[in-house]
Amino acid sequence: VAAINWSGRSTNYADSVKGRFTISRDNAKNTMFL
């Protein structure tokens, strides 16, 4: 579906969800979001 690198600076999305889904992370909270 989607991937995000260690810092959150780079992301990658499947074509089927690109433009609709957003991956993010909050390292201070030890949490990733979609």
Full PDB file with SEQRES, HELIX, SHEET, SSBOND, CRYST1, ORIGX, SCALE, CONECT and MASTER records, all heavy atoms in Angstrom:
SEQRES   1 A   34  VAL ALA ALA ILE ASN TRP SER GLY ARG SER THR ASN TYR          
SEQRES   2 A   34  ALA ASP SER VAL LYS GLY ARG PHE THR ILE SER ARG ASP          
SEQRES   3 A   34  ASN ALA LYS ASN THR MET PHE LEU                              
HELIX    1 AA1 ASN A   27  LYS A   29  5                                   3    
SHEET    1 AA1 2 ALA A   2  ILE A   4  0                                        
SHEET    2 AA1 2 THR A  11  TYR A  13 -1                                        
SHEET    1 AA2 2 SER A  24  ASP A  26  0                                        
SHEET    2 AA2 2 THR A  31  PHE A  33 -1                                        
CRYST1    1.000    1.000    1.000  90.00  90.00  90.00 P 1           1          
ORIGX1      1.000000  0.000000  0.000000        0.00000                         
ORIGX2      0.000000  1.000000  0.000000        0.00000                         
ORIGX3      0.000000  0.000000  1.000000        0.00000                         
SCALE1      1.000000  0.000000  0.000000        0.00000                         
SCALE2      0.000000  1.000000  0.000000        0.00000                         
SCALE3      0.000000  0.000000  1.000000        0.00000                         
ATOM      1  N   VAL A   1       0.821  -1.201   0.000  1.00  0.00           N  
ATOM      2  CA  VAL A   1       0.000   0.000   0.000  1.00  0.00           C  
ATOM      3  C   VAL A   1       0.861   1.259   0.000  1.00  0.00           C  
ATOM      4  O   VAL A   1       0.760   2.098  -0.890  1.00  0.00           O  
ATOM      5  CB  VAL A   1      -0.963   0.030   1.200  1.00  0.00           C  
ATOM      6  CG1 VAL A   1      -1.756   1.334   1.217  1.00  0.00           C  
ATOM      7  CG2 VAL A   1      -1.900  -1.170   1.161  1.00  0.00           C  
ATOM      8  N   ALA A   2       1.720   1.395   1.002  1.00  0.00           N  
ATOM      9  CA  ALA A   2       2.533   2.594   1.134  1.00  0.00           C  
ATOM     10  C   ALA A   2       3.710   2.320   2.048  1.00  0.00           C  
ATOM     11  O   ALA A   2       3.645   1.449   2.919  1.00  0.00           O  
ATOM     12  CB  ALA A   2       1.710   3.765   1.686  1.00  0.00           C  
ATOM     13  N   ALA A   3       4.785   3.070   1.864  1.00  0.00           N  
ATOM     14  CA  ALA A   3       5.967   2.944   2.705  1.00  0.00           C  
ATOM     15  C   ALA A   3       6.530   4.324   3.009  1.00  0.00           C  
ATOM     16  O   ALA A   3       6.348   5.273   2.245  1.00  0.00           O  
ATOM     17  CB  ALA A   3       7.033   2.081   2.029  1.00  0.00           C  
ATOM     18  N   ILE A   4       7.246   4.419   4.126  1.00  0.00           N  
ATOM     19  CA  ILE A   4       7.859   5.672   4.536  1.00  0.00           C  
ATOM     20  C   ILE A   4       9.220   5.365   5.146  1.00  0.00           C  
ATOM     21  O   ILE A   4       9.375   4.391   5.882  1.00  0.00           O  
ATOM     22  CB  ILE A   4       6.938   6.426   5.525  1.00  0.00           C  
ATOM     23  CG1 ILE A   4       7.470   7.826   5.813  1.00  0.00           C  
ATOM     24  CG2 ILE A   4       6.738   5.623   6.809  1.00  0.00           C  
ATOM     25  CD1 ILE A   4       6.427   8.716   6.493  1.00  0.00           C  
ATOM     26  N   ASN A   5      10.202   6.189   4.823  1.00  0.00           N  
ATOM     27  CA  ASN A   5      11.543   5.902   5.291  1.00  0.00           C  
ATOM     28  C   ASN A   5      11.728   6.348   6.738  1.00  0.00           C  
ATOM     29  O   ASN A   5      10.804   6.815   7.396  1.00  0.00           O  
ATOM     30  CB  ASN A   5      12.589   6.514   4.354  1.00  0.00           C  
ATOM     31  CG  ASN A   5      12.773   8.011   4.536  1.00  0.00           C  
ATOM     32  OD1 ASN A   5      11.920   8.700   5.093  1.00  0.00           O  
ATOM     33  ND2 ASN A   5      13.907   8.510   4.066  1.00  0.00           N  
ATOM     34  N   TRP A   6      12.941   6.203   7.237  1.00  0.00           N  
ATOM     35  CA  TRP A   6      13.230   6.377   8.655  1.00  0.00           C  
ATOM     36  C   TRP A   6      12.866   7.761   9.173  1.00  0.00           C  
ATOM     37  O   TRP A   6      12.305   7.888  10.268  1.00  0.00           O  
ATOM     38  CB  TRP A   6      14.704   6.088   8.922  1.00  0.00           C  
ATOM     39  CG  TRP A   6      15.088   4.675   8.642  1.00  0.00           C  
ATOM     40  CD1 TRP A   6      15.225   3.671   9.550  1.00  0.00           C  
ATOM     41  CD2 TRP A   6      15.379   4.103   7.359  1.00  0.00           C  
ATOM     42  NE1 TRP A   6      15.583   2.502   8.922  1.00  0.00           N  
ATOM     43  CE2 TRP A   6      15.687   2.745   7.567  1.00  0.00           C  
ATOM     44  CE3 TRP A   6      15.414   4.608   6.060  1.00  0.00           C  
ATOM     45  CZ2 TRP A   6      16.024   1.881   6.526  1.00  0.00           C  
ATOM     46  CZ3 TRP A   6      15.741   3.744   5.018  1.00  0.00           C  
ATOM     47  CH2 TRP A   6      16.044   2.409   5.259  1.00  0.00           C  
ATOM     48  N   SER A   7      13.163   8.781   8.416  1.00  0.00           N  
ATOM     49  CA  SER A   7      12.913  10.150   8.843  1.00  0.00           C  
ATOM     50  C   SER A   7      11.530  10.654   8.455  1.00  0.00           C  
ATOM     51  O   SER A   7      11.080  11.670   8.989  1.00  0.00           O  
ATOM     52  CB  SER A   7      13.963  11.080   8.239  1.00  0.00           C  
ATOM     53  OG  SER A   7      13.814  11.164   6.839  1.00  0.00           O  
ATOM     54  N   GLY A   8      10.867   9.966   7.531  1.00  0.00           N  
ATOM     55  CA  GLY A   8       9.616  10.445   6.980  1.00  0.00           C  
ATOM     56  C   GLY A   8       9.790  11.352   5.782  1.00  0.00           C  
ATOM     57  O   GLY A   8       8.801  11.842   5.237  1.00  0.00           O  
ATOM     58  N   ARG A   9      11.021  11.568   5.359  1.00  0.00           N  
ATOM     59  CA  ARG A   9      11.289  12.471   4.250  1.00  0.00           C  
ATOM     60  C   ARG A   9      10.849  11.889   2.906  1.00  0.00           C  
ATOM     61  O   ARG A   9      10.454  12.637   2.006  1.00  0.00           O  
ATOM     62  CB  ARG A   9      12.781  12.813   4.211  1.00  0.00           C  
ATOM     63  CG  ARG A   9      13.192  13.773   3.125  1.00  0.00           C  
ATOM     64  CD  ARG A   9      14.656  14.158   3.245  1.00  0.00           C  
ATOM     65  NE  ARG A   9      14.919  14.895   4.472  1.00  0.00           N  
ATOM     66  CZ  ARG A   9      16.128  15.341   4.824  1.00  0.00           C  
ATOM     67  NH1 ARG A   9      17.177  15.108   4.047  1.00  0.00           N  
ATOM     68  NH2 ARG A   9      16.278  16.002   5.960  1.00  0.00           N  
ATOM     69  N   SER A  10      10.911  10.552   2.773  1.00  0.00           N  
ATOM     70  CA  SER A  10      10.563   9.902   1.519  1.00  0.00           C  
ATOM     71  C   SER A  10       9.406   8.939   1.722  1.00  0.00           C  
ATOM     72  O   SER A  10       9.328   8.250   2.740  1.00  0.00           O  
ATOM     73  CB  SER A  10      11.760   9.140   0.954  1.00  0.00           C  
ATOM     74  OG  SER A  10      12.814  10.024   0.627  1.00  0.00           O  
ATOM     75  N   THR A  11       8.514   8.880   0.730  1.00  0.00           N  
ATOM     76  CA  THR A  11       7.375   7.972   0.764  1.00  0.00           C  
ATOM     77  C   THR A  11       7.215   7.289  -0.579  1.00  0.00           C  
ATOM     78  O   THR A  11       7.724   7.753  -1.599  1.00  0.00           O  
ATOM     79  CB  THR A  11       6.074   8.701   1.120  1.00  0.00           C  
ATOM     80  OG1 THR A  11       5.837   9.738   0.159  1.00  0.00           O  
ATOM     81  CG2 THR A  11       6.161   9.320   2.506  1.00  0.00           C  
ATOM     82  N   ASN A  12       6.470   6.187  -0.577  1.00  0.00           N  
ATOM     83  CA  ASN A  12       6.195   5.448  -1.786  1.00  0.00           C  
ATOM     84  C   ASN A  12       4.779   4.882  -1.679  1.00  0.00           C  
ATOM     85  O   ASN A  12       4.380   4.417  -0.608  1.00  0.00           O  
ATOM     86  CB  ASN A  12       7.211   4.325  -1.984  1.00  0.00           C  
ATOM     87  CG  ASN A  12       7.127   3.681  -3.348  1.00  0.00           C  
ATOM     88  OD1 ASN A  12       6.572   4.248  -4.282  1.00  0.00           O  
ATOM     89  ND2 ASN A  12       7.688   2.481  -3.468  1.00  0.00           N  
ATOM     90  N   TYR A  13       4.029   4.920  -2.790  1.00  0.00           N  
ATOM     91  CA  TYR A  13       2.643   4.479  -2.786  1.00  0.00           C  
ATOM     92  C   TYR A  13       2.372   3.533  -3.940  1.00  0.00           C  
ATOM     93  O   TYR A  13       2.930   3.678  -5.027  1.00  0.00           O  
ATOM     94  CB  TYR A  13       1.684   5.660  -2.922  1.00  0.00           C  
ATOM     95  CG  TYR A  13       1.733   6.632  -1.775  1.00  0.00           C  
ATOM     96  CD1 TYR A  13       2.564   7.743  -1.813  1.00  0.00           C  
ATOM     97  CD2 TYR A  13       0.937   6.446  -0.655  1.00  0.00           C  
ATOM     98  CE1 TYR A  13       2.612   8.640  -0.768  1.00  0.00           C  
ATOM     99  CE2 TYR A  13       0.977   7.336   0.400  1.00  0.00           C  
ATOM    100  CZ  TYR A  13       1.813   8.430   0.339  1.00  0.00           C  
ATOM    101  OH  TYR A  13       1.852   9.327   1.384  1.00  0.00           O  
ATOM    102  N   ALA A  14       1.487   2.574  -3.689  1.00  0.00           N  
ATOM    103  CA  ALA A  14       0.973   1.758  -4.775  1.00  0.00           C  
ATOM    104  C   ALA A  14       0.152   2.632  -5.712  1.00  0.00           C  
ATOM    105  O   ALA A  14      -0.496   3.590  -5.285  1.00  0.00           O  
ATOM    106  CB  ALA A  14       0.119   0.621  -4.223  1.00  0.00           C  
ATOM    107  N   ASP A  15       0.169   2.293  -6.997  1.00  0.00           N  
ATOM    108  CA  ASP A  15      -0.588   3.070  -7.969  1.00  0.00           C  
ATOM    109  C   ASP A  15      -2.074   3.122  -7.624  1.00  0.00           C  
ATOM    110  O   ASP A  15      -2.746   4.127  -7.884  1.00  0.00           O  
ATOM    111  CB  ASP A  15      -0.405   2.483  -9.369  1.00  0.00           C  
ATOM    112  CG  ASP A  15       0.980   2.727  -9.929  1.00  0.00           C  
ATOM    113  OD1 ASP A  15       1.681   3.627  -9.432  1.00  0.00           O  
ATOM    114  OD2 ASP A  15       1.362   2.022 -10.876  1.00  0.00           O  
ATOM    115  N   SER A  16      -2.598   2.069  -7.031  1.00  0.00           N  
ATOM    116  CA  SER A  16      -4.010   1.983  -6.735  1.00  0.00           C  
ATOM    117  C   SER A  16      -4.473   2.969  -5.660  1.00  0.00           C  
ATOM    118  O   SER A  16      -5.667   3.262  -5.566  1.00  0.00           O  
ATOM    119  CB  SER A  16      -4.381   0.562  -6.315  1.00  0.00           C  
ATOM    120  OG  SER A  16      -3.657   0.176  -5.162  1.00  0.00           O  
ATOM    121  N   VAL A  17      -3.548   3.471  -4.843  1.00  0.00           N  
ATOM    122  CA  VAL A  17      -3.914   4.379  -3.758  1.00  0.00           C  
ATOM    123  C   VAL A  17      -3.286   5.752  -3.892  1.00  0.00           C  
ATOM    124  O   VAL A  17      -3.620   6.655  -3.108  1.00  0.00           O  
ATOM    125  CB  VAL A  17      -3.552   3.786  -2.383  1.00  0.00           C  
ATOM    126  CG1 VAL A  17      -4.147   2.396  -2.220  1.00  0.00           C  
ATOM    127  CG2 VAL A  17      -2.037   3.749  -2.186  1.00  0.00           C  
ATOM    128  N   LYS A  18      -2.419   5.936  -4.853  1.00  0.00           N  
ATOM    129  CA  LYS A  18      -1.723   7.207  -5.022  1.00  0.00           C  
ATOM    130  C   LYS A  18      -2.723   8.338  -5.247  1.00  0.00           C  
ATOM    131  O   LYS A  18      -3.635   8.229  -6.065  1.00  0.00           O  
ATOM    132  CB  LYS A  18      -0.741   7.113  -6.184  1.00  0.00           C  
ATOM    133  CG  LYS A  18       0.236   8.267  -6.289  1.00  0.00           C  
ATOM    134  CD  LYS A  18       1.302   7.986  -7.344  1.00  0.00           C  
ATOM    135  CE  LYS A  18       2.144   6.775  -6.987  1.00  0.00           C  
ATOM    136  NZ  LYS A  18       3.225   6.527  -7.980  1.00  0.00           N  
ATOM    137  N   GLY A  19      -2.545   9.419  -4.509  1.00  0.00           N  
ATOM    138  CA  GLY A  19      -3.444  10.548  -4.593  1.00  0.00           C  
ATOM    139  C   GLY A  19      -4.621  10.470  -3.646  1.00  0.00           C  
ATOM    140  O   GLY A  19      -5.319  11.471  -3.454  1.00  0.00           O  
ATOM    141  N   ARG A  20      -4.859   9.304  -3.052  1.00  0.00           N  
ATOM    142  CA  ARG A  20      -5.956   9.126  -2.109  1.00  0.00           C  
ATOM    143  C   ARG A  20      -5.477   8.859  -0.680  1.00  0.00           C  
ATOM    144  O   ARG A  20      -6.113   9.289   0.275  1.00  0.00           O  
ATOM    145  CB  ARG A  20      -6.854   7.971  -2.545  1.00  0.00           C  
ATOM    146  CG  ARG A  20      -7.484   8.171  -3.915  1.00  0.00           C  
ATOM    147  CD  ARG A  20      -8.516   7.083  -4.210  1.00  0.00           C  
ATOM    148  NE  ARG A  20      -7.909   5.749  -4.248  1.00  0.00           N  
ATOM    149  CZ  ARG A  20      -8.270   4.743  -3.450  1.00  0.00           C  
ATOM    150  NH1 ARG A  20      -9.237   4.911  -2.555  1.00  0.00           N  
ATOM    151  NH2 ARG A  20      -7.681   3.554  -3.566  1.00  0.00           N  
ATOM    152  N   PHE A  21      -4.373   8.127  -0.555  1.00  0.00           N  
ATOM    153  CA  PHE A  21      -3.837   7.763   0.754  1.00  0.00           C  
ATOM    154  C   PHE A  21      -2.589   8.578   1.052  1.00  0.00           C  
ATOM    155  O   PHE A  21      -1.817   8.914   0.146  1.00  0.00           O  
ATOM    156  CB  PHE A  21      -3.469   6.281   0.796  1.00  0.00           C  
ATOM    157  CG  PHE A  21      -4.629   5.328   0.762  1.00  0.00           C  
ATOM    158  CD1 PHE A  21      -5.921   5.757   0.491  1.00  0.00           C  
ATOM    159  CD2 PHE A  21      -4.415   3.975   0.989  1.00  0.00           C  
ATOM    160  CE1 PHE A  21      -6.982   4.872   0.453  1.00  0.00           C  
ATOM    161  CE2 PHE A  21      -5.463   3.079   0.955  1.00  0.00           C  
ATOM    162  CZ  PHE A  21      -6.744   3.519   0.690  1.00  0.00           C  
ATOM    163  N   THR A  22      -2.358   8.849   2.330  1.00  0.00           N  
ATOM    164  CA  THR A  22      -1.159   9.543   2.773  1.00  0.00           C  
ATOM    165  C   THR A  22      -0.563   8.818   3.971  1.00  0.00           C  
ATOM    166  O   THR A  22      -1.240   8.634   4.982  1.00  0.00           O  
ATOM    167  CB  THR A  22      -1.447  10.998   3.155  1.00  0.00           C  
ATOM    168  OG1 THR A  22      -2.020  11.691   2.042  1.00  0.00           O  
ATOM    169  CG2 THR A  22      -0.156  11.708   3.566  1.00  0.00           C  
ATOM    170  N   ILE A  23       0.696   8.414   3.851  1.00  0.00           N  
ATOM    171  CA  ILE A  23       1.398   7.779   4.951  1.00  0.00           C  
ATOM    172  C   ILE A  23       2.230   8.832   5.675  1.00  0.00           C  
ATOM    173  O   ILE A  23       2.811   9.724   5.049  1.00  0.00           O  
ATOM    174  CB  ILE A  23       2.276   6.609   4.451  1.00  0.00           C  
ATOM    175  CG1 ILE A  23       2.861   5.820   5.627  1.00  0.00           C  
ATOM    176  CG2 ILE A  23       3.360   7.097   3.507  1.00  0.00           C  
ATOM    177  CD1 ILE A  23       3.564   4.538   5.195  1.00  0.00           C  
ATOM    178  N   SER A  24       2.282   8.740   6.990  1.00  0.00           N  
ATOM    179  CA  SER A  24       3.069   9.673   7.782  1.00  0.00           C  
ATOM    180  C   SER A  24       3.528   8.978   9.056  1.00  0.00           C  
ATOM    181  O   SER A  24       3.071   7.873   9.379  1.00  0.00           O  
ATOM    182  CB  SER A  24       2.268  10.936   8.111  1.00  0.00           C  
ATOM    183  OG  SER A  24       1.121  10.624   8.884  1.00  0.00           O  
ATOM    184  N   ARG A  25       4.433   9.624   9.773  1.00  0.00           N  
ATOM    185  CA  ARG A  25       4.903   9.049  11.027  1.00  0.00           C  
ATOM    186  C   ARG A  25       5.214  10.152  12.024  1.00  0.00           C  
ATOM    187  O   ARG A  25       5.599  11.264  11.651  1.00  0.00           O  
ATOM    188  CB  ARG A  25       6.130   8.168  10.794  1.00  0.00           C  
ATOM    189  CG  ARG A  25       7.356   8.912  10.289  1.00  0.00           C  
ATOM    190  CD  ARG A  25       8.450   7.940   9.846  1.00  0.00           C  
ATOM    191  NE  ARG A  25       8.948   7.133  10.949  1.00  0.00           N  
ATOM    192  CZ  ARG A  25       9.715   6.054  10.809  1.00  0.00           C  
ATOM    193  NH1 ARG A  25      10.051   5.640   9.583  1.00  0.00           N  
ATOM    194  NH2 ARG A  25      10.133   5.384  11.874  1.00  0.00           N  
ATOM    195  N   ASP A  26       5.053   9.829  13.294  1.00  0.00           N  
ATOM    196  CA  ASP A  26       5.407  10.712  14.389  1.00  0.00           C  
ATOM    197  C   ASP A  26       6.366   9.928  15.272  1.00  0.00           C  
ATOM    198  O   ASP A  26       5.947   9.142  16.116  1.00  0.00           O  
ATOM    199  CB  ASP A  26       4.171  11.147  15.163  1.00  0.00           C  
ATOM    200  CG  ASP A  26       4.481  12.171  16.234  1.00  0.00           C  
ATOM    201  OD1 ASP A  26       5.663  12.328  16.608  1.00  0.00           O  
ATOM    202  OD2 ASP A  26       3.540  12.830  16.707  1.00  0.00           O  
ATOM    203  N   ASN A  27       7.654  10.132  15.057  1.00  0.00           N  
ATOM    204  CA  ASN A  27       8.653   9.351  15.777  1.00  0.00           C  
ATOM    205  C   ASN A  27       8.647   9.631  17.276  1.00  0.00           C  
ATOM    206  O   ASN A  27       8.982   8.763  18.074  1.00  0.00           O  
ATOM    207  CB  ASN A  27      10.040   9.601  15.192  1.00  0.00           C  
ATOM    208  CG  ASN A  27      10.219   8.968  13.829  1.00  0.00           C  
ATOM    209  OD1 ASN A  27       9.503   8.033  13.468  1.00  0.00           O  
ATOM    210  ND2 ASN A  27      11.174   9.470  13.062  1.00  0.00           N  
ATOM    211  N   ALA A  28       8.263  10.837  17.662  1.00  0.00           N  
ATOM    212  CA  ALA A  28       8.190  11.169  19.080  1.00  0.00           C  
ATOM    213  C   ALA A  28       7.097  10.372  19.786  1.00  0.00           C  
ATOM    214  O   ALA A  28       7.186  10.121  20.988  1.00  0.00           O  
ATOM    215  CB  ALA A  28       7.955  12.661  19.269  1.00  0.00           C  
ATOM    216  N   LYS A  29       6.067   9.971  19.045  1.00  0.00           N  
ATOM    217  CA  LYS A  29       4.958   9.204  19.593  1.00  0.00           C  
ATOM    218  C   LYS A  29       5.040   7.723  19.255  1.00  0.00           C  
ATOM    219  O   LYS A  29       4.142   6.960  19.614  1.00  0.00           O  
ATOM    220  CB  LYS A  29       3.629   9.755  19.087  1.00  0.00           C  
ATOM    221  CG  LYS A  29       3.373  11.206  19.454  1.00  0.00           C  
ATOM    222  CD  LYS A  29       3.155  11.373  20.938  1.00  0.00           C  
ATOM    223  CE  LYS A  29       2.773  12.803  21.270  1.00  0.00           C  
ATOM    224  NZ  LYS A  29       2.590  12.987  22.742  1.00  0.00           N  
ATOM    225  N   ASN A  30       6.092   7.320  18.553  1.00  0.00           N  
ATOM    226  CA  ASN A  30       6.260   5.920  18.130  1.00  0.00           C  
ATOM    227  C   ASN A  30       5.039   5.413  17.373  1.00  0.00           C  
ATOM    228  O   ASN A  30       4.563   4.298  17.601  1.00  0.00           O  
ATOM    229  CB  ASN A  30       6.533   5.017  19.334  1.00  0.00           C  
ATOM    230  CG  ASN A  30       7.860   5.291  19.992  1.00  0.00           C  
ATOM    231  OD1 ASN A  30       8.713   5.996  19.448  1.00  0.00           O  
ATOM    232  ND2 ASN A  30       8.060   4.723  21.178  1.00  0.00           N  
ATOM    233  N   THR A  31       4.549   6.235  16.454  1.00  0.00           N  
ATOM    234  CA  THR A  31       3.312   5.921  15.751  1.00  0.00           C  
ATOM    235  C   THR A  31       3.420   6.269  14.274  1.00  0.00           C  
ATOM    236  O   THR A  31       3.989   7.296  13.906  1.00  0.00           O  
ATOM    237  CB  THR A  31       2.128   6.675  16.370  1.00  0.00           C  
ATOM    238  OG1 THR A  31       2.062   6.402  17.774  1.00  0.00           O  
ATOM    239  CG2 THR A  31       0.818   6.235  15.734  1.00  0.00           C  
ATOM    240  N   MET A  32       2.856   5.400  13.436  1.00  0.00           N  
ATOM    241  CA  MET A  32       2.721   5.643  12.013  1.00  0.00           C  
ATOM    242  C   MET A  32       1.237   5.739  11.680  1.00  0.00           C  
ATOM    243  O   MET A  32       0.405   5.098  12.318  1.00  0.00           O  
ATOM    244  CB  MET A  32       3.364   4.504  11.212  1.00  0.00           C  
ATOM    245  CG  MET A  32       3.148   4.604   9.712  1.00  0.00           C  
ATOM    246  SD  MET A  32       3.936   3.270   8.764  1.00  0.00           S  
ATOM    247  CE  MET A  32       3.075   1.826   9.362  1.00  0.00           C  
ATOM    248  N   PHE A  33       0.914   6.519  10.642  1.00  0.00           N  
ATOM    249  CA  PHE A  33      -0.472   6.736  10.264  1.00  0.00           C  
ATOM    250  C   PHE A  33      -0.674   6.468   8.780  1.00  0.00           C  
ATOM    251  O   PHE A  33       0.241   6.586   7.968  1.00  0.00           O  
ATOM    252  CB  PHE A  33      -0.892   8.179  10.558  1.00  0.00           C  
ATOM    253  CG  PHE A  33      -0.677   8.592  11.981  1.00  0.00           C  
ATOM    254  CD1 PHE A  33       0.463   9.292  12.348  1.00  0.00           C  
ATOM    255  CD2 PHE A  33      -1.605   8.285  12.950  1.00  0.00           C  
ATOM    256  CE1 PHE A  33       0.675   9.683  13.654  1.00  0.00           C  
ATOM    257  CE2 PHE A  33      -1.409   8.667  14.268  1.00  0.00           C  
ATOM    258  CZ  PHE A  33      -0.264   9.367  14.620  1.00  0.00           C  
ATOM    259  N   LEU A  34      -1.897   6.121   8.443  1.00  0.00           N  
ATOM    260  CA  LEU A  34      -2.324   6.041   7.057  1.00  0.00           C  
ATOM    261  C   LEU A  34      -3.660   6.755   6.940  1.00  0.00           C  
ATOM    262  O   LEU A  34      -4.682   6.249   7.412  1.00  0.00           O  
ATOM    263  CB  LEU A  34      -2.450   4.591   6.587  1.00  0.00           C  
ATOM    264  CG  LEU A  34      -2.789   4.417   5.110  1.00  0.00           C  
ATOM    265  CD1 LEU A  34      -1.625   4.871   4.230  1.00  0.00           C  
ATOM    266  CD2 LEU A  34      -3.148   2.963   4.797  1.00  0.00           C  
TER     267      LEU A  34                                                      
MASTER        0    0    0    1    4    0    0    6  266    1    0    3          
END                                                                             
